């Protein structure tokens, strides 16, 4: 790194520490007290925690999701070949114009009649799961509600049998472990196998949709006649992302949201008495305790983050969305849950 590290900007915190995982916000308060870029020594990476800094960087076209080609190292892992092939067209790793093309076709597919009519299905599924709570006396929320709800919706959205849900869940859990701080070589091998099995399953589903299209998202993608329609490999990556990102994040957001409501609100029903109040509550829940806190961007030219901090081309910066959402310069009483803000 070409930047000199001012002591006040250097922080050390093991991200795998259980206490930190349960409450990262105490550290974020220290970041906000310093202001500007923070060097997180455990990641060996500069981080941005302020709302304006994070927002500005996400809009800055000098920062991209991937490293510049000449700075990429040859650290490929042959045992992840299937995993990397399945993930190669994920929107999380693409830039314009490919990102734009794929996103537009996905958006068009989401506007299909079946998808637009799913609100009633989602409500009915949620109510059915809740109806099963009372006979049990108590319930483990993640197992009996937060996990089956998005899984059921995603299988309906894709038009795949609900009986495939157990396999989809197992593949998803195996694949997302690659992105954790505690991944092992065995985790990577299991993720690779899961990716290969998931890919084979999706290719089979794609072939079925070509023979007989349904009224679902996968059929809309497979039978898209637009000149920019997705290839089969792009459809696979899209479906994998829908499950892995859509399911995993939703499960933990539901858990975080329910915990927040139970701990912070005297009568949670007051937060949902009409559509406007419900919308405000959901937005505040996402701000207050989101499931995903860190995203990387790479500098594609030398960029001065701060008078005493410069990123060289190819260097990463970590955007701490969880910290940005608790920035006291942006949100009054940022550590308080307040849907009326």
Protein backbone atom coordinates (compact mmCIF):
# COMPACT_ATOMS: atom_id res chain seq x y z
CA UNK A 1 0.00 0.00 0.00
CA UNK A 2 1.28 3.43 -0.85
CA UNK A 3 -0.70 5.12 1.94
CA UNK A 4 0.98 5.88 5.26
CA UNK A 5 -1.16 4.41 8.02
CA UNK A 6 -2.10 7.07 10.60
CA UNK A 7 -2.48 5.28 13.95
CA UNK A 8 -5.94 6.71 14.59
CA UNK A 9 -7.22 5.04 11.40
CA UNK A 10 -5.95 1.53 12.19
CA UNK A 11 -8.31 -0.89 13.94
CA UNK A 12 -7.92 -4.55 14.85
CA UNK A 13 -10.98 -6.71 15.35
CA UNK A 14 -11.32 -10.43 14.62
CA UNK A 15 -14.45 -10.62 12.42
CA UNK A 16 -14.95 -14.23 13.55
CA UNK A 17 -15.23 -13.24 17.22
CA UNK A 18 -18.72 -14.38 18.36
CA UNK A 19 -19.20 -11.24 20.45
CA UNK A 20 -18.46 -9.05 17.44
CA UNK A 21 -20.77 -11.09 15.21
CA UNK A 22 -23.61 -10.56 17.68
CA UNK A 23 -22.94 -6.82 17.98
CA UNK A 24 -20.70 -5.18 15.37
CA UNK A 25 -22.18 -1.76 16.06
CA UNK A 26 -19.93 -0.93 19.00
CA UNK A 27 -16.96 -1.07 16.62
CA UNK A 28 -18.84 0.91 14.01
CA UNK A 29 -19.33 3.70 16.57
CA UNK A 30 -15.55 3.93 16.90
CA UNK A 31 -15.23 4.13 13.12
CA UNK A 32 -17.72 7.00 13.02
CA UNK A 33 -15.89 8.81 15.81
CA UNK A 34 -12.73 8.87 13.66
CA UNK A 35 -14.53 9.59 10.38
CA UNK A 36 -13.23 8.94 6.88
CA UNK A 37 -11.38 5.79 5.80
CA UNK A 38 -10.52 3.11 8.39
CA UNK A 39 -7.79 0.50 7.96
CA UNK A 40 -9.11 -2.83 9.29
CA UNK A 41 -5.90 -4.72 9.97
CA UNK A 42 -7.50 -8.19 10.08
CA UNK A 43 -8.70 -7.72 6.51
CA UNK A 44 -5.61 -5.66 5.57
CA UNK A 45 -8.08 -3.40 3.77
CA UNK A 46 -9.24 0.19 3.84
CA UNK A 47 -12.90 0.52 4.81
CA UNK A 48 -15.55 3.22 4.49
CA UNK A 49 -18.17 3.43 7.23
CA UNK A 50 -19.82 6.82 6.66
CA UNK A 51 -23.13 6.94 4.79
CA UNK A 52 -22.02 9.63 2.35
CA UNK A 53 -18.66 7.91 1.72
CA UNK A 54 -20.31 4.55 0.99
CA UNK A 55 -23.03 6.06 -1.20
CA UNK A 56 -20.54 8.17 -3.15
CA UNK A 57 -18.26 5.17 -3.76
CA UNK A 58 -21.13 3.01 -5.00
CA UNK A 59 -21.90 5.73 -7.56
CA UNK A 60 -18.25 6.30 -8.52
CA UNK A 61 -17.48 4.60 -11.84
CA UNK A 62 -13.78 4.47 -10.94
CA UNK A 63 -14.67 1.66 -8.52
CA UNK A 64 -15.79 -1.70 -9.88
CA UNK A 65 -16.77 -5.15 -8.62
CA UNK A 66 -13.76 -6.83 -10.24
CA UNK A 67 -10.05 -6.06 -10.11
CA UNK A 68 -8.39 -4.52 -13.18
CA UNK A 69 -7.27 -7.37 -15.44
CA UNK A 70 -3.54 -6.72 -15.04
CA UNK A 71 -3.78 -6.82 -11.22
CA UNK A 72 -5.57 -10.17 -11.03
CA UNK A 73 -3.34 -12.93 -9.71
CA UNK A 74 -3.35 -16.49 -10.96
CA UNK A 75 -4.70 -18.01 -7.76
CA UNK A 76 -7.28 -20.28 -9.39
CA UNK A 77 -8.34 -23.35 -7.46
CA UNK A 78 -8.93 -26.38 -9.70
CA UNK A 79 -11.11 -27.98 -7.04
CA UNK A 80 -13.56 -25.05 -7.49
CA UNK A 81 -13.86 -25.37 -11.28
CA UNK A 82 -17.55 -26.32 -11.23
CA UNK A 83 -18.34 -23.66 -8.65
CA UNK A 84 -16.59 -20.94 -10.66
CA UNK A 85 -18.31 -22.01 -13.88
CA UNK A 86 -21.75 -21.82 -12.26
CA UNK A 87 -20.98 -18.41 -10.72
CA UNK A 88 -19.32 -16.89 -13.81
CA UNK A 89 -22.39 -14.91 -14.92
CA UNK A 90 -23.64 -13.89 -11.48
CA UNK A 91 -24.78 -10.27 -11.40
CA UNK A 92 -22.69 -9.81 -8.26
CA UNK A 93 -19.52 -10.11 -10.33
CA UNK A 94 -20.43 -8.42 -13.61
CA UNK A 95 -20.00 -4.87 -14.86
CA UNK A 96 -21.82 -2.95 -17.59
CA UNK A 97 -22.71 -3.64 -20.33
CA UNK A 98 -23.20 -7.34 -19.46
CA UNK A 99 -24.61 -6.56 -16.02
CA UNK A 100 -27.11 -4.14 -17.58
CA UNK A 101 -28.17 -6.58 -20.31
CA UNK A 102 -28.78 -9.47 -17.92
CA UNK A 103 -30.53 -7.32 -15.33
CA UNK A 104 -32.93 -5.92 -17.94
CA UNK A 105 -33.92 -9.38 -19.14
CA UNK A 106 -34.43 -10.56 -15.55
CA UNK A 107 -36.59 -7.51 -14.84
CA UNK A 108 -38.67 -8.26 -17.94
CA UNK A 109 -39.18 -11.85 -16.78
CA UNK A 110 -40.26 -10.65 -13.33
CA UNK A 111 -43.02 -8.63 -14.98
CA UNK A 112 -44.69 -11.79 -16.27
CA UNK A 113 -48.31 -12.28 -15.19
CA UNK A 114 -47.57 -15.19 -12.87
CA UNK A 115 -44.86 -13.34 -10.98
CA UNK A 116 -46.99 -10.22 -10.54
CA UNK A 117 -49.76 -12.35 -9.04
CA UNK A 118 -47.54 -13.92 -6.39
CA UNK A 119 -48.38 -11.47 -3.61
CA UNK A 120 -51.44 -13.49 -2.58
CA UNK A 121 -49.40 -16.70 -2.72
CA UNK A 122 -46.71 -15.22 -0.48
CA UNK A 123 -49.30 -14.03 2.05
CA UNK A 124 -51.05 -17.41 2.09
CA UNK A 125 -47.74 -19.24 2.57
CA UNK A 126 -46.71 -16.96 5.43
CA UNK A 127 -50.09 -17.36 7.16
CA UNK A 128 -50.01 -21.13 6.74
CA UNK A 129 -46.60 -21.36 8.41
CA UNK A 130 -47.75 -19.10 11.26
CA UNK A 131 -50.90 -21.19 11.77
CA UNK A 132 -48.64 -24.12 12.64
CA UNK A 133 -47.00 -22.23 15.51
CA UNK A 134 -49.75 -22.42 18.13
CA UNK A 135 -49.97 -26.22 18.58
CA UNK A 136 -46.22 -26.30 19.22
CA UNK A 137 -46.37 -23.86 22.13
CA UNK A 138 -43.00 -22.43 21.15
CA UNK A 139 -41.22 -22.35 17.83
CA UNK A 140 -37.69 -22.00 16.46
CA UNK A 141 -38.27 -19.10 14.09
CA UNK A 142 -35.45 -19.70 11.60
CA UNK A 143 -36.29 -23.39 11.21
CA UNK A 144 -40.08 -23.19 11.09
CA UNK A 145 -40.68 -19.85 9.38
CA UNK A 146 -37.70 -17.84 8.14
CA UNK A 147 -36.22 -20.77 6.18
CA UNK A 148 -39.31 -22.42 4.62
CA UNK A 149 -41.00 -19.14 3.63
CA UNK A 150 -38.47 -17.85 1.07
CA UNK A 151 -37.67 -21.40 -0.06
CA UNK A 152 -41.33 -22.06 -0.83
CA UNK A 153 -41.67 -18.76 -2.69
CA UNK A 154 -38.52 -19.29 -4.75
CA UNK A 155 -39.56 -22.79 -5.83
CA UNK A 156 -42.94 -21.40 -6.92
CA UNK A 157 -41.25 -18.47 -8.65
CA UNK A 158 -38.99 -20.79 -10.65
CA UNK A 159 -41.75 -23.32 -11.20
CA UNK A 160 -39.74 -26.22 -9.75
CA UNK A 161 -41.33 -28.91 -7.55
CA UNK A 162 -41.51 -28.10 -3.84
CA UNK A 163 -40.14 -31.62 -3.34
CA UNK A 164 -36.84 -30.27 -4.70
CA UNK A 165 -36.67 -27.80 -1.83
CA UNK A 166 -34.47 -29.95 0.40
CA UNK A 167 -31.89 -30.35 -2.37
CA UNK A 168 -31.98 -26.63 -3.20
CA UNK A 169 -31.46 -25.77 0.45
CA UNK A 170 -28.53 -28.16 0.82
CA UNK A 171 -26.88 -26.83 -2.35
CA UNK A 172 -27.38 -23.25 -1.21
CA UNK A 173 -25.91 -23.83 2.25
CA UNK A 174 -22.89 -25.60 0.77
CA UNK A 175 -22.21 -22.90 -1.83
CA UNK A 176 -22.51 -19.86 0.44
CA UNK A 177 -19.95 -21.30 2.87
CA UNK A 178 -17.29 -20.40 0.30
CA UNK A 179 -17.97 -16.74 1.07
CA UNK A 180 -17.57 -17.03 4.85
CA UNK A 181 -14.50 -16.10 6.88
CA UNK A 182 -14.20 -19.66 8.21
CA UNK A 183 -14.22 -21.60 4.93
CA UNK A 184 -12.03 -24.70 4.72
CA UNK A 185 -10.72 -26.78 1.82
CA UNK A 186 -13.43 -29.34 2.62
CA UNK A 187 -16.06 -26.58 2.46
CA UNK A 188 -14.78 -25.61 -0.98
CA UNK A 189 -14.94 -29.20 -2.24
CA UNK A 190 -18.50 -29.56 -0.96
CA UNK A 191 -19.44 -26.25 -2.57
CA UNK A 192 -17.99 -27.41 -5.87
CA UNK A 193 -20.00 -30.63 -5.76
CA UNK A 194 -23.15 -28.72 -4.82
CA UNK A 195 -22.62 -26.32 -7.72
CA UNK A 196 -22.26 -29.20 -10.19
CA UNK A 197 -25.43 -30.87 -8.92
CA UNK A 198 -27.36 -27.58 -8.89
CA UNK A 199 -26.22 -26.86 -12.46
CA UNK A 200 -27.33 -30.32 -13.68
CA UNK A 201 -30.72 -29.85 -12.02
CA UNK A 202 -31.20 -26.45 -13.67
CA UNK A 203 -30.15 -27.66 -17.12
CA UNK A 204 -32.79 -30.37 -16.78
CA UNK A 205 -35.39 -27.77 -15.81
CA UNK A 206 -34.36 -25.54 -18.72
CA UNK A 207 -34.85 -28.42 -21.16
CA UNK A 208 -38.31 -29.09 -19.73
CA UNK A 209 -39.30 -25.42 -20.19
CA UNK A 210 -38.26 -25.56 -23.84
CA UNK A 211 -40.54 -28.53 -24.38
CA UNK A 212 -43.41 -27.05 -22.41
CA UNK A 213 -43.28 -23.52 -21.05
CA UNK A 214 -45.00 -22.73 -17.79
CA UNK A 215 -46.14 -19.45 -16.30
CA UNK A 216 -43.06 -18.94 -14.15
CA UNK A 217 -39.83 -16.96 -14.05
CA UNK A 218 -37.65 -19.75 -15.43
CA UNK A 219 -39.99 -20.29 -18.39
CA UNK A 220 -39.94 -16.56 -19.11
CA UNK A 221 -36.13 -16.53 -19.17
CA UNK A 222 -35.81 -19.71 -21.25
CA UNK A 223 -38.36 -18.63 -23.88
CA UNK A 224 -37.30 -14.97 -24.07
CA UNK A 225 -37.20 -13.98 -27.77
CA UNK A 226 -35.37 -10.69 -27.25
CA UNK A 227 -32.03 -10.31 -29.05
CA UNK A 228 -30.40 -9.87 -25.63
CA UNK A 229 -31.94 -13.01 -24.14
CA UNK A 230 -29.87 -14.92 -21.62
CA UNK A 231 -27.84 -17.99 -22.58
CA UNK A 232 -28.42 -21.22 -20.68
CA UNK A 233 -25.26 -20.63 -18.66
CA UNK A 234 -26.46 -17.13 -17.75
CA UNK A 235 -29.84 -18.52 -16.72
CA UNK A 236 -28.10 -21.03 -14.46
CA UNK A 237 -26.04 -18.31 -12.77
CA UNK A 238 -29.16 -16.17 -12.36
CA UNK A 239 -31.18 -18.96 -10.75
CA UNK A 240 -28.32 -19.84 -8.42
CA UNK A 241 -28.04 -16.20 -7.36
CA UNK A 242 -31.79 -15.98 -6.82
CA UNK A 243 -31.66 -18.91 -4.42
CA UNK A 244 -28.35 -18.26 -2.69
CA UNK A 245 -28.69 -14.50 -2.27
CA UNK A 246 -32.46 -14.28 -2.13
CA UNK A 247 -32.93 -17.14 0.29
CA UNK A 248 -29.94 -16.74 2.61
CA UNK A 249 -30.33 -12.98 3.05
CA UNK A 250 -34.09 -13.24 3.55
CA UNK A 251 -33.78 -15.91 6.24
CA UNK A 252 -31.44 -13.79 8.34
CA UNK A 253 -33.31 -10.54 7.67
CA UNK A 254 -36.50 -12.13 8.99
CA UNK A 255 -34.63 -13.28 12.09
CA UNK A 256 -33.07 -9.86 12.67
CA UNK A 257 -36.40 -8.11 12.08
CA UNK A 258 -38.41 -10.22 14.51
CA UNK A 259 -35.74 -9.89 17.20
CA UNK A 260 -35.68 -6.11 16.74
CA UNK A 261 -39.47 -5.81 16.97
CA UNK A 262 -39.63 -7.96 20.10
CA UNK A 263 -36.82 -6.06 21.81
CA UNK A 264 -37.51 -2.50 20.68
CA UNK A 265 -41.29 -2.16 20.31
CA UNK A 266 -43.96 -2.45 23.02
CA UNK A 267 -46.69 -3.47 20.57
CA UNK A 268 -45.27 -4.68 17.22
CA UNK A 269 -48.75 -4.63 15.64
CA UNK A 270 -48.62 -0.82 15.78
CA UNK A 271 -45.83 -0.95 13.19
CA UNK A 272 -48.08 -2.58 10.58
CA UNK A 273 -51.54 -1.00 10.91
CA UNK A 274 -51.56 0.25 7.28
CA UNK A 275 -49.46 0.03 4.11
CA UNK A 276 -47.57 3.28 4.73
CA UNK A 277 -46.63 2.30 8.28
CA UNK A 278 -45.64 -1.19 7.14
CA UNK A 279 -43.41 0.22 4.40
CA UNK A 280 -41.72 2.57 6.86
CA UNK A 281 -41.19 -0.26 9.35
CA UNK A 282 -39.62 -2.56 6.77
CA UNK A 283 -37.29 0.21 5.58
CA UNK A 284 -36.23 0.95 9.13
CA UNK A 285 -35.68 -2.76 9.88
CA UNK A 286 -33.38 -2.98 6.86
CA UNK A 287 -31.48 0.07 8.05
CA UNK A 288 -31.28 -0.92 11.70
CA UNK A 289 -29.97 -4.48 11.37
CA UNK A 290 -29.38 -5.73 7.83
CA UNK A 291 -28.04 -9.27 7.20
CA UNK A 292 -25.18 -8.18 4.89
CA UNK A 293 -22.68 -5.63 6.11
CA UNK A 294 -19.65 -5.60 3.80
CA UNK A 295 -19.10 -5.37 0.05
CA UNK A 296 -15.82 -4.89 -1.81
CA UNK A 297 -15.07 -2.52 -4.66
CA UNK A 298 -11.75 -2.22 -6.54
CA UNK A 299 -10.07 0.99 -7.63
CA UNK A 300 -9.52 1.15 -11.40
CA UNK A 301 -7.17 4.11 -11.10
CA UNK A 302 -5.20 5.71 -8.28
CA UNK A 303 -7.83 7.33 -6.05
CA UNK A 304 -7.41 9.62 -3.07
CA UNK A 305 -9.94 8.56 -0.45
CA UNK A 306 -8.76 11.16 2.04
CA UNK A 307 -5.88 13.66 2.28
CA UNK A 308 -3.78 10.99 4.02
CA UNK A 309 -5.19 7.87 2.27
CA UNK A 310 -4.65 6.95 -1.39
CA UNK A 311 -5.71 3.70 -3.05
CA UNK A 312 -3.53 2.39 -5.85
CA UNK A 313 -5.16 0.95 -8.96
CA UNK A 314 -6.28 -2.58 -8.17
CA UNK A 315 -6.57 -2.09 -4.42
CA UNK A 316 -9.88 -2.89 -2.71
CA UNK A 317 -12.00 -0.77 -0.44
CA UNK A 318 -14.57 -2.39 1.85
CA UNK A 319 -17.93 -0.65 1.98
CA UNK A 320 -19.47 -1.22 5.41
CA UNK A 321 -23.18 -0.91 4.66
CA UNK A 322 -24.08 -1.97 8.19
CA UNK A 323 -22.00 0.89 9.58
CA UNK A 324 -23.29 3.40 7.01
CA UNK A 325 -26.83 2.65 8.12
CA UNK A 326 -25.89 3.65 11.68
CA UNK A 327 -24.05 6.85 10.72
CA UNK A 328 -25.08 9.52 13.27
CA UNK A 329 -24.32 12.29 10.78
CA UNK A 330 -27.02 10.87 8.50
CA UNK A 331 -29.54 9.43 10.98
CA UNK A 332 -30.61 11.17 14.17
CA UNK A 333 -30.23 8.76 17.11
CA UNK A 334 -28.88 6.22 14.64
CA UNK A 335 -28.70 3.39 17.18
CA UNK A 336 -32.40 3.65 17.96
CA UNK A 337 -35.07 1.77 16.03
CA UNK A 338 -37.59 4.35 14.85
CA UNK A 339 -39.91 3.59 11.90
CA UNK A 340 -41.23 7.16 12.09
CA UNK A 341 -37.87 8.73 11.24
